[in-house]
C-alpha cells in the first residue's frame, strides 16, 4: 500500500532553499520522493542544495532569481515545468528579517521585509496557481510564523509581513480549494538560521526569550520537515487554509 506521505513522481519548487528552513524542507521533500527545484538569490548555495537533492536519488536543479519580481517568478515557473516535466508543490520559504526600534525603522528596511516575505509569497502563489488551475491540482505551503499570531517588540515589519502571509494563505485557500489546490502554511517558532543568528546567538536575548518555550529549546530547520511533507502530500488533501504551528508550545502559553 502506498504511503499517503509518498511524494514519488511529484515536482516541488522551494524558494529560499539555499540555506536554513528552505534547504531543510527541500531535502526533506526529496527524501519523501519529490524532485526539487531550489530557487533563491545565491547561486552557490542553491547549487549545493540541488546537488544534495541529487545525492538522495532525485532530480534537483537550481535557479537563481528574485521572487519579488513578477516577470522573474513567471520565468522560474516555466523553467521548472520545462526542465522537470511539471510542478505539483510550491513551498514559499524565501524570507527577510530586519529588526529594530520602530520609531527609527527605515522605510527601505520596511519595504525589503514586506517585499520578500509577503509580496514574494503572493507572486509565487499567483504564478504557480496558473499552472495548478490548468492541471486541476497543486499544493502550496507558505512559511508563516508564530509572529503571524503574536506580536513582539522591535519586530513590527516582520510581524506585519507574517501576519499578511497567514491571511493570504487563508484567502487563497478559500478561492482555490474547489479547484483542487491546497494552500496552507507552516508557522515556525524561532529557528536558528543564518538569517537570525545575530539575535539567537545573543545570550542576553536568549535569557529572556528561551523560558517562553515549554519545549525548552529553540527549533532547528529540520523540525519543519515533517510539517512540510504532510502539507505537500496526499495526506493533507482535505486540509485548506491552515497554519500548522511548529513552535515548541510557544503560543500555547
C-alpha atoms as a PDB file:
ATOM      1  CA  UNK A   1       0.000   0.000   0.000  1.00  0.00           C
ATOM      2  CA  UNK A   2       1.354   3.410  -0.974  1.00  0.00           C
ATOM      3  CA  UNK A   3       2.018   5.756   1.927  1.00  0.00           C
ATOM      4  CA  UNK A   4      -0.166   8.886   1.966  1.00  0.00           C
ATOM      5  CA  UNK A   5       3.050  10.816   2.561  1.00  0.00           C
ATOM      6  CA  UNK A   6       4.754   9.467  -0.568  1.00  0.00           C
ATOM      7  CA  UNK A   7       5.848  12.231  -2.956  1.00  0.00           C
ATOM      8  CA  UNK A   8       7.233   9.974  -5.667  1.00  0.00           C
ATOM      9  CA  UNK A   9       6.598  11.486  -9.102  1.00  0.00           C
ATOM     10  CA  UNK A  10       5.964  14.974  -7.711  1.00  0.00           C
ATOM     11  CA  UNK A  11       7.946  18.076  -8.577  1.00  0.00           C
ATOM     12  CA  UNK A  12       8.489  20.686  -5.850  1.00  0.00           C
ATOM     13  CA  UNK A  13       9.721  24.258  -6.118  1.00  0.00           C
ATOM     14  CA  UNK A  14      11.173  25.575  -2.863  1.00  0.00           C
ATOM     15  CA  UNK A  15      12.114  29.240  -2.597  1.00  0.00           C
ATOM     16  CA  UNK A  16      14.790  30.348  -0.165  1.00  0.00           C
ATOM     17  CA  UNK A  17      16.238  26.845  -0.315  1.00  0.00           C
ATOM     18  CA  UNK A  18      19.893  27.761  -0.363  1.00  0.00           C
ATOM     19  CA  UNK A  19      20.026  27.633   3.425  1.00  0.00           C
ATOM     20  CA  UNK A  20      18.063  27.373   6.648  1.00  0.00           C
ATOM     21  CA  UNK A  21      14.477  26.155   6.715  1.00  0.00           C
ATOM     22  CA  UNK A  22      14.134  26.232   2.939  1.00  0.00           C
ATOM     23  CA  UNK A  23      17.123  23.940   2.441  1.00  0.00           C
ATOM     24  CA  UNK A  24      15.929  21.518   5.126  1.00  0.00           C
ATOM     25  CA  UNK A  25      12.485  21.351   3.517  1.00  0.00           C
ATOM     26  CA  UNK A  26      13.930  20.878   0.022  1.00  0.00           C
ATOM     27  CA  UNK A  27      15.986  17.918   1.227  1.00  0.00           C
ATOM     28  CA  UNK A  28      13.062  16.541   3.228  1.00  0.00           C
ATOM     29  CA  UNK A  29      10.793  16.603   0.182  1.00  0.00           C
ATOM     30  CA  UNK A  30      13.498  14.814  -1.800  1.00  0.00           C
ATOM     31  CA  UNK A  31      13.734  12.159   0.912  1.00  0.00           C
ATOM     32  CA  UNK A  32       9.959  11.697   0.558  1.00  0.00           C
ATOM     33  CA  UNK A  33      10.354  11.140  -3.193  1.00  0.00           C
ATOM     34  CA  UNK A  34       9.975  14.545  -4.847  1.00  0.00           C
ATOM     35  CA  UNK A  35      12.185  16.092  -7.481  1.00  0.00           C
ATOM     36  CA  UNK A  36      13.140  19.589  -6.354  1.00  0.00           C
ATOM     37  CA  UNK A  37      13.891  22.973  -7.892  1.00  0.00           C
ATOM     38  CA  UNK A  38      15.902  25.096  -5.466  1.00  0.00           C
ATOM     39  CA  UNK A  39      15.178  28.793  -6.013  1.00  0.00           C
ATOM     40  CA  UNK A  40      16.736  31.846  -4.378  1.00  0.00           C
ATOM     41  CA  UNK A  41      19.306  34.563  -4.804  1.00  0.00           C
ATOM     42  CA  UNK A  42      22.618  32.818  -4.112  1.00  0.00           C
ATOM     43  CA  UNK A  43      23.709  30.512  -6.960  1.00  0.00           C
ATOM     44  CA  UNK A  44      26.438  28.853  -4.899  1.00  0.00           C
ATOM     45  CA  UNK A  45      24.214  27.751  -2.022  1.00  0.00           C
ATOM     46  CA  UNK A  46      21.386  26.790  -4.389  1.00  0.00           C
ATOM     47  CA  UNK A  47      23.756  24.585  -6.372  1.00  0.00           C
ATOM     48  CA  UNK A  48      24.760  22.871  -3.133  1.00  0.00           C
ATOM     49  CA  UNK A  49      21.110  22.188  -2.303  1.00  0.00           C
ATOM     50  CA  UNK A  50      20.414  20.814  -5.773  1.00  0.00           C
ATOM     51  CA  UNK A  51      23.478  18.578  -5.512  1.00  0.00           C
ATOM     52  CA  UNK A  52      22.268  17.281  -2.147  1.00  0.00           C
ATOM     53  CA  UNK A  53      18.861  16.525  -3.702  1.00  0.00           C
ATOM     54  CA  UNK A  54      20.540  14.533  -6.469  1.00  0.00           C
ATOM     55  CA  UNK A  55      22.612  12.677  -3.878  1.00  0.00           C
ATOM     56  CA  UNK A  56      19.295  11.431  -2.483  1.00  0.00           C
ATOM     57  CA  UNK A  57      18.411   9.877  -5.822  1.00  0.00           C
ATOM     58  CA  UNK A  58      16.056  12.605  -7.017  1.00  0.00           C
ATOM     59  CA  UNK A  59      16.344  15.167  -9.782  1.00  0.00           C
ATOM     60  CA  UNK A  60      17.488  18.542  -8.489  1.00  0.00           C
ATOM     61  CA  UNK A  61      18.018  21.845 -10.244  1.00  0.00           C
ATOM     62  CA  UNK A  62      18.913  25.314  -9.014  1.00  0.00           C
ATOM     63  CA  UNK A  63      17.561  28.605 -10.309  1.00  0.00           C
ATOM     64  CA  UNK A  64      18.833  31.982  -9.120  1.00  0.00           C
ATOM     65  CA  UNK A  65      16.052  34.567  -9.189  1.00  0.00           C
ATOM     66  CA  UNK A  66      14.494  37.403  -7.203  1.00  0.00           C
ATOM     67  CA  UNK A  67      10.991  36.335  -6.140  1.00  0.00           C
ATOM     68  CA  UNK A  68       9.902  39.952  -5.650  1.00  0.00           C
ATOM     69  CA  UNK A  69       9.835  40.479  -9.437  1.00  0.00           C
ATOM     70  CA  UNK A  70       6.727  39.124 -11.186  1.00  0.00           C
ATOM     71  CA  UNK A  71       8.418  38.542 -14.544  1.00  0.00           C
ATOM     72  CA  UNK A  72      11.241  36.581 -12.897  1.00  0.00           C
ATOM     73  CA  UNK A  73       8.776  34.458 -10.947  1.00  0.00           C
ATOM     74  CA  UNK A  74       6.813  33.557 -14.082  1.00  0.00           C
ATOM     75  CA  UNK A  75      10.085  32.667 -15.794  1.00  0.00           C
ATOM     76  CA  UNK A  76      11.070  30.421 -12.883  1.00  0.00           C
ATOM     77  CA  UNK A  77       7.767  28.533 -13.007  1.00  0.00           C
ATOM     78  CA  UNK A  78       8.072  27.932 -16.735  1.00  0.00           C
ATOM     79  CA  UNK A  79      11.668  26.792 -16.395  1.00  0.00           C
ATOM     80  CA  UNK A  80      10.794  24.294 -13.656  1.00  0.00           C
ATOM     81  CA  UNK A  81       7.974  22.852 -15.749  1.00  0.00           C
ATOM     82  CA  UNK A  82      10.232  22.608 -18.796  1.00  0.00           C
ATOM     83  CA  UNK A  83      13.241  21.066 -17.039  1.00  0.00           C
ATOM     84  CA  UNK A  84      11.475  18.772 -14.566  1.00  0.00           C
ATOM     85  CA  UNK A  85       8.334  17.995 -16.535  1.00  0.00           C
ATOM     86  CA  UNK A  86       5.740  19.584 -14.291  1.00  0.00           C
ATOM     87  CA  UNK A  87       5.044  21.298 -10.992  1.00  0.00           C
ATOM     88  CA  UNK A  88       2.968  19.901  -8.141  1.00  0.00           C
ATOM     89  CA  UNK A  89       4.260  21.569  -4.966  1.00  0.00           C
ATOM     90  CA  UNK A  90       5.271  25.139  -4.145  1.00  0.00           C
ATOM     91  CA  UNK A  91       6.956  25.958  -0.836  1.00  0.00           C
ATOM     92  CA  UNK A  92       7.465  29.668  -0.174  1.00  0.00           C
ATOM     93  CA  UNK A  93      10.382  29.828   2.249  1.00  0.00           C
ATOM     94  CA  UNK A  94      12.252  32.905   0.995  1.00  0.00           C
ATOM     95  CA  UNK A  95      12.358  35.379   3.843  1.00  0.00           C
ATOM     96  CA  UNK A  96      13.860  38.537   5.281  1.00  0.00           C
ATOM     97  CA  UNK A  97      14.138  39.669   8.899  1.00  0.00           C
ATOM     98  CA  UNK A  98      15.226  43.143   9.906  1.00  0.00           C
ATOM     99  CA  UNK A  99      14.547  44.257  13.458  1.00  0.00           C
ATOM    100  CA  UNK A 100      14.900  47.467  15.411  1.00  0.00           C
ATOM    101  CA  UNK A 101      13.098  50.232  17.249  1.00  0.00           C
ATOM    102  CA  UNK A 102      10.010  51.097  15.248  1.00  0.00           C
ATOM    103  CA  UNK A 103      10.385  54.864  15.667  1.00  0.00           C
ATOM    104  CA  UNK A 104      13.736  54.684  13.893  1.00  0.00           C
ATOM    105  CA  UNK A 105      12.913  51.924  11.404  1.00  0.00           C
ATOM    106  CA  UNK A 106      13.940  52.854   7.872  1.00  0.00           C
ATOM    107  CA  UNK A 107      11.389  52.878   5.085  1.00  0.00           C
ATOM    108  CA  UNK A 108      13.788  50.900   2.889  1.00  0.00           C
ATOM    109  CA  UNK A 109      14.039  48.173   5.544  1.00  0.00           C
ATOM    110  CA  UNK A 110      10.251  48.019   5.840  1.00  0.00           C
ATOM    111  CA  UNK A 111       9.960  47.632   2.062  1.00  0.00           C
ATOM    112  CA  UNK A 112      12.638  44.939   1.992  1.00  0.00           C
ATOM    113  CA  UNK A 113      10.908  42.789   4.611  1.00  0.00           C
ATOM    114  CA  UNK A 114       7.401  43.211   3.189  1.00  0.00           C
ATOM    115  CA  UNK A 115       8.538  42.698  -0.393  1.00  0.00           C
ATOM    116  CA  UNK A 116      10.379  39.466   0.342  1.00  0.00           C
ATOM    117  CA  UNK A 117       8.048  37.901   2.905  1.00  0.00           C
ATOM    118  CA  UNK A 118       4.644  38.967   1.594  1.00  0.00           C
ATOM    119  CA  UNK A 119       4.904  40.237  -1.979  1.00  0.00           C
ATOM    120  CA  UNK A 120       7.268  37.443  -2.999  1.00  0.00           C
ATOM    121  CA  UNK A 121       4.966  34.837  -1.477  1.00  0.00           C
ATOM    122  CA  UNK A 122       1.987  36.324  -3.305  1.00  0.00           C
ATOM    123  CA  UNK A 123       3.771  36.434  -6.665  1.00  0.00           C
ATOM    124  CA  UNK A 124       4.914  32.824  -6.376  1.00  0.00           C
ATOM    125  CA  UNK A 125       1.437  31.648  -5.332  1.00  0.00           C
ATOM    126  CA  UNK A 126      -0.120  33.536  -8.233  1.00  0.00           C
ATOM    127  CA  UNK A 127       2.271  32.181 -10.853  1.00  0.00           C
ATOM    128  CA  UNK A 128       2.125  28.592  -9.579  1.00  0.00           C
ATOM    129  CA  UNK A 129      -1.667  28.680  -9.345  1.00  0.00           C
ATOM    130  CA  UNK A 130      -1.960  29.496 -13.046  1.00  0.00           C
ATOM    131  CA  UNK A 131      -0.363  26.118 -13.704  1.00  0.00           C
ATOM    132  CA  UNK A 132      -2.215  24.315 -10.907  1.00  0.00           C
ATOM    133  CA  UNK A 133      -5.600  25.590 -12.111  1.00  0.00           C
ATOM    134  CA  UNK A 134      -4.900  24.169 -15.559  1.00  0.00           C
ATOM    135  CA  UNK A 135      -3.800  20.796 -14.171  1.00  0.00           C
ATOM    136  CA  UNK A 136      -6.555  20.554 -11.557  1.00  0.00           C
ATOM    137  CA  UNK A 137      -4.354  20.054  -8.507  1.00  0.00           C
ATOM    138  CA  UNK A 138      -1.500  21.572  -6.549  1.00  0.00           C
ATOM    139  CA  UNK A 139      -0.053  22.043  -3.090  1.00  0.00           C
ATOM    140  CA  UNK A 140       1.109  25.425  -1.795  1.00  0.00           C
ATOM    141  CA  UNK A 141       2.912  25.659   1.546  1.00  0.00           C
ATOM    142  CA  UNK A 142       3.726  29.148   2.807  1.00  0.00           C
ATOM    143  CA  UNK A 143       6.103  29.934   5.645  1.00  0.00           C
ATOM    144  CA  UNK A 144       4.201  31.947   8.222  1.00  0.00           C
ATOM    145  CA  UNK A 145       5.456  32.328  11.804  1.00  0.00           C
ATOM    146  CA  UNK A 146       4.456  32.337  15.431  1.00  0.00           C
ATOM    147  CA  UNK A 147       4.649  36.088  14.845  1.00  0.00           C
ATOM    148  CA  UNK A 148       1.698  35.710  12.486  1.00  0.00           C
ATOM    149  CA  UNK A 149      -0.293  35.239  15.699  1.00  0.00           C
ATOM    150  CA  UNK A 150       1.514  37.196  18.417  1.00  0.00           C
ATOM    151  CA  UNK A 151       3.402  40.452  18.465  1.00  0.00           C
ATOM    152  CA  UNK A 152       6.964  41.034  19.562  1.00  0.00           C
ATOM    153  CA  UNK A 153       8.812  44.277  20.283  1.00  0.00           C
ATOM    154  CA  UNK A 154      11.135  45.602  17.556  1.00  0.00           C
ATOM    155  CA  UNK A 155       9.658  43.129  15.041  1.00  0.00           C
ATOM    156  CA  UNK A 156       6.977  45.393  13.538  1.00  0.00           C
ATOM    157  CA  UNK A 157       7.862  44.784   9.878  1.00  0.00           C
ATOM    158  CA  UNK A 158       8.387  41.068  10.357  1.00  0.00           C
ATOM    159  CA  UNK A 159       5.147  40.621  12.328  1.00  0.00           C
ATOM    160  CA  UNK A 160       3.209  42.627   9.744  1.00  0.00           C
ATOM    161  CA  UNK A 161       4.638  40.595   6.874  1.00  0.00           C
ATOM    162  CA  UNK A 162       3.995  37.229   8.501  1.00  0.00           C
ATOM    163  CA  UNK A 163       0.518  38.259   9.620  1.00  0.00           C
ATOM    164  CA  UNK A 164      -0.073  39.069   5.970  1.00  0.00           C
ATOM    165  CA  UNK A 165       1.210  35.639   4.909  1.00  0.00           C
ATOM    166  CA  UNK A 166      -1.298  33.993   7.253  1.00  0.00           C
ATOM    167  CA  UNK A 167      -4.256  35.929   5.849  1.00  0.00           C
ATOM    168  CA  UNK A 168      -3.015  35.486   2.272  1.00  0.00           C
ATOM    169  CA  UNK A 169      -2.910  31.741   2.907  1.00  0.00           C
ATOM    170  CA  UNK A 170      -6.490  31.727   4.177  1.00  0.00           C
ATOM    171  CA  UNK A 171      -7.775  33.921   1.362  1.00  0.00           C
ATOM    172  CA  UNK A 172      -6.159  31.856  -1.386  1.00  0.00           C
ATOM    173  CA  UNK A 173      -7.345  28.622   0.223  1.00  0.00           C
ATOM    174  CA  UNK A 174     -10.949  29.777   0.112  1.00  0.00           C
ATOM    175  CA  UNK A 175     -10.565  30.855  -3.516  1.00  0.00           C
ATOM    176  CA  UNK A 176      -8.804  27.780  -4.890  1.00  0.00           C
ATOM    177  CA  UNK A 177      -9.941  24.836  -2.733  1.00  0.00           C
ATOM    178  CA  UNK A 178     -12.725  23.969  -5.180  1.00  0.00           C
ATOM    179  CA  UNK A 179     -10.125  23.731  -7.941  1.00  0.00           C
ATOM    180  CA  UNK A 180      -8.058  21.054  -6.218  1.00  0.00           C
ATOM    181  CA  UNK A 181      -5.416  23.410  -4.848  1.00  0.00           C
ATOM    182  CA  UNK A 182      -4.460  23.183  -1.178  1.00  0.00           C
ATOM    183  CA  UNK A 183      -2.992  26.356   0.312  1.00  0.00           C
ATOM    184  CA  UNK A 184      -1.649  26.015   3.846  1.00  0.00           C
ATOM    185  CA  UNK A 185       1.173  27.340   5.977  1.00  0.00           C
ATOM    186  CA  UNK A 186       3.787  26.260   8.461  1.00  0.00           C
ATOM    187  CA  UNK A 187       4.247  28.628  11.394  1.00  0.00           C
ATOM    188  CA  UNK A 188       7.678  28.049  12.955  1.00  0.00           C
ATOM    189  CA  UNK A 189       8.883  29.470  16.220  1.00  0.00           C
ATOM    190  CA  UNK A 190      12.341  30.998  16.482  1.00  0.00           C
ATOM    191  CA  UNK A 191      14.560  28.748  14.393  1.00  0.00           C
ATOM    192  CA  UNK A 192      18.280  29.313  14.297  1.00  0.00           C
ATOM    193  CA  UNK A 193      19.384  30.023  10.737  1.00  0.00           C
ATOM    194  CA  UNK A 194      21.901  32.295   9.061  1.00  0.00           C
ATOM    195  CA  UNK A 195      19.115  34.886   8.872  1.00  0.00           C
ATOM    196  CA  UNK A 196      18.685  35.348  12.617  1.00  0.00           C
ATOM    197  CA  UNK A 197      21.920  34.041  14.132  1.00  0.00           C
ATOM    198  CA  UNK A 198      22.812  37.596  15.140  1.00  0.00           C
ATOM    199  CA  UNK A 199      19.861  37.553  17.528  1.00  0.00           C
ATOM    200  CA  UNK A 200      19.580  33.932  18.616  1.00  0.00           C
ATOM    201  CA  UNK A 201      23.285  33.722  19.435  1.00  0.00           C
ATOM    202  CA  UNK A 202      22.959  36.669  21.813  1.00  0.00           C
ATOM    203  CA  UNK A 203      22.975  35.310  25.414  1.00  0.00           C
ATOM    204  CA  UNK A 204      21.158  38.384  26.729  1.00  0.00           C
ATOM    205  CA  UNK A 205      18.310  37.866  24.250  1.00  0.00           C
ATOM    206  CA  UNK A 206      18.092  34.131  24.909  1.00  0.00           C
ATOM    207  CA  UNK A 207      17.972  34.629  28.676  1.00  0.00           C
ATOM    208  CA  UNK A 208      14.614  36.359  28.398  1.00  0.00           C
ATOM    209  CA  UNK A 209      13.281  34.539  25.347  1.00  0.00           C
ATOM    210  CA  UNK A 210      14.030  30.854  25.830  1.00  0.00           C
ATOM    211  CA  UNK A 211      11.961  30.392  29.028  1.00  0.00           C
ATOM    212  CA  UNK A 212       8.845  31.161  26.931  1.00  0.00           C
ATOM    213  CA  UNK A 213       9.217  27.760  25.204  1.00  0.00           C
ATOM    214  CA  UNK A 214       7.637  24.783  27.007  1.00  0.00           C
ATOM    215  CA  UNK A 215       9.837  22.519  24.849  1.00  0.00           C
ATOM    216  CA  UNK A 216      12.868  24.111  26.486  1.00  0.00           C
ATOM    217  CA  UNK A 217      14.706  24.816  23.237  1.00  0.00           C
ATOM    218  CA  UNK A 218      14.546  26.763  20.002  1.00  0.00           C
ATOM    219  CA  UNK A 219      13.703  24.987  16.769  1.00  0.00           C
ATOM    220  CA  UNK A 220      16.074  23.560  14.182  1.00  0.00           C
ATOM    221  CA  UNK A 221      15.359  23.837  10.442  1.00  0.00           C
ATOM    222  CA  UNK A 222      14.847  20.064  10.338  1.00  0.00           C
ATOM    223  CA  UNK A 223      11.937  20.408  12.766  1.00  0.00           C
ATOM    224  CA  UNK A 224       9.878  21.880   9.902  1.00  0.00           C
ATOM    225  CA  UNK A 225      10.352  18.972   7.503  1.00  0.00           C
ATOM    226  CA  UNK A 226       7.561  16.740   8.808  1.00  0.00           C
ATOM    227  CA  UNK A 227       5.005  19.518   8.520  1.00  0.00           C
ATOM    228  CA  UNK A 228       6.184  20.360   5.010  1.00  0.00           C
ATOM    229  CA  UNK A 229       5.962  16.751   3.813  1.00  0.00           C
ATOM    230  CA  UNK A 230       2.492  16.392   5.327  1.00  0.00           C
ATOM    231  CA  UNK A 231       1.142  19.576   3.748  1.00  0.00           C
ATOM    232  CA  UNK A 232       2.712  18.642   0.394  1.00  0.00           C
ATOM    233  CA  UNK A 233       1.346  15.112   0.337  1.00  0.00           C
ATOM    234  CA  UNK A 234      -1.997  13.383  -0.324  1.00  0.00           C
ATOM    235  CA  UNK A 235      -2.333  13.000   3.463  1.00  0.00           C
ATOM    236  CA  UNK A 236      -3.453  16.650   3.617  1.00  0.00           C
ATOM    237  CA  UNK A 237      -5.886  16.636   0.682  1.00  0.00           C
ATOM    238  CA  UNK A 238      -8.767  17.835   2.907  1.00  0.00           C
ATOM    239  CA  UNK A 239      -6.677  20.479   4.698  1.00  0.00           C
ATOM    240  CA  UNK A 240      -7.204  24.032   3.441  1.00  0.00           C
ATOM    241  CA  UNK A 241      -6.234  27.414   4.866  1.00  0.00           C
ATOM    242  CA  UNK A 242      -4.497  26.110   7.967  1.00  0.00           C
ATOM    243  CA  UNK A 243      -1.309  27.245   9.675  1.00  0.00           C
ATOM    244  CA  UNK A 244       0.452  24.355  11.363  1.00  0.00           C
ATOM    245  CA  UNK A 245       2.307  25.785  14.346  1.00  0.00           C
ATOM    246  CA  UNK A 246       5.677  24.132  14.899  1.00  0.00           C
ATOM    247  CA  UNK A 247       6.601  26.238  17.888  1.00  0.00           C
ATOM    248  CA  UNK A 248       7.587  24.116  20.858  1.00  0.00           C
ATOM    249  CA  UNK A 249       4.428  25.218  22.662  1.00  0.00           C
ATOM    250  CA  UNK A 250       5.268  28.944  22.406  1.00  0.00           C
ATOM    251  CA  UNK A 251       1.713  30.011  21.504  1.00  0.00           C
ATOM    252  CA  UNK A 252       0.098  27.575  23.963  1.00  0.00           C
ATOM    253  CA  UNK A 253       1.047  29.729  26.938  1.00  0.00           C
END
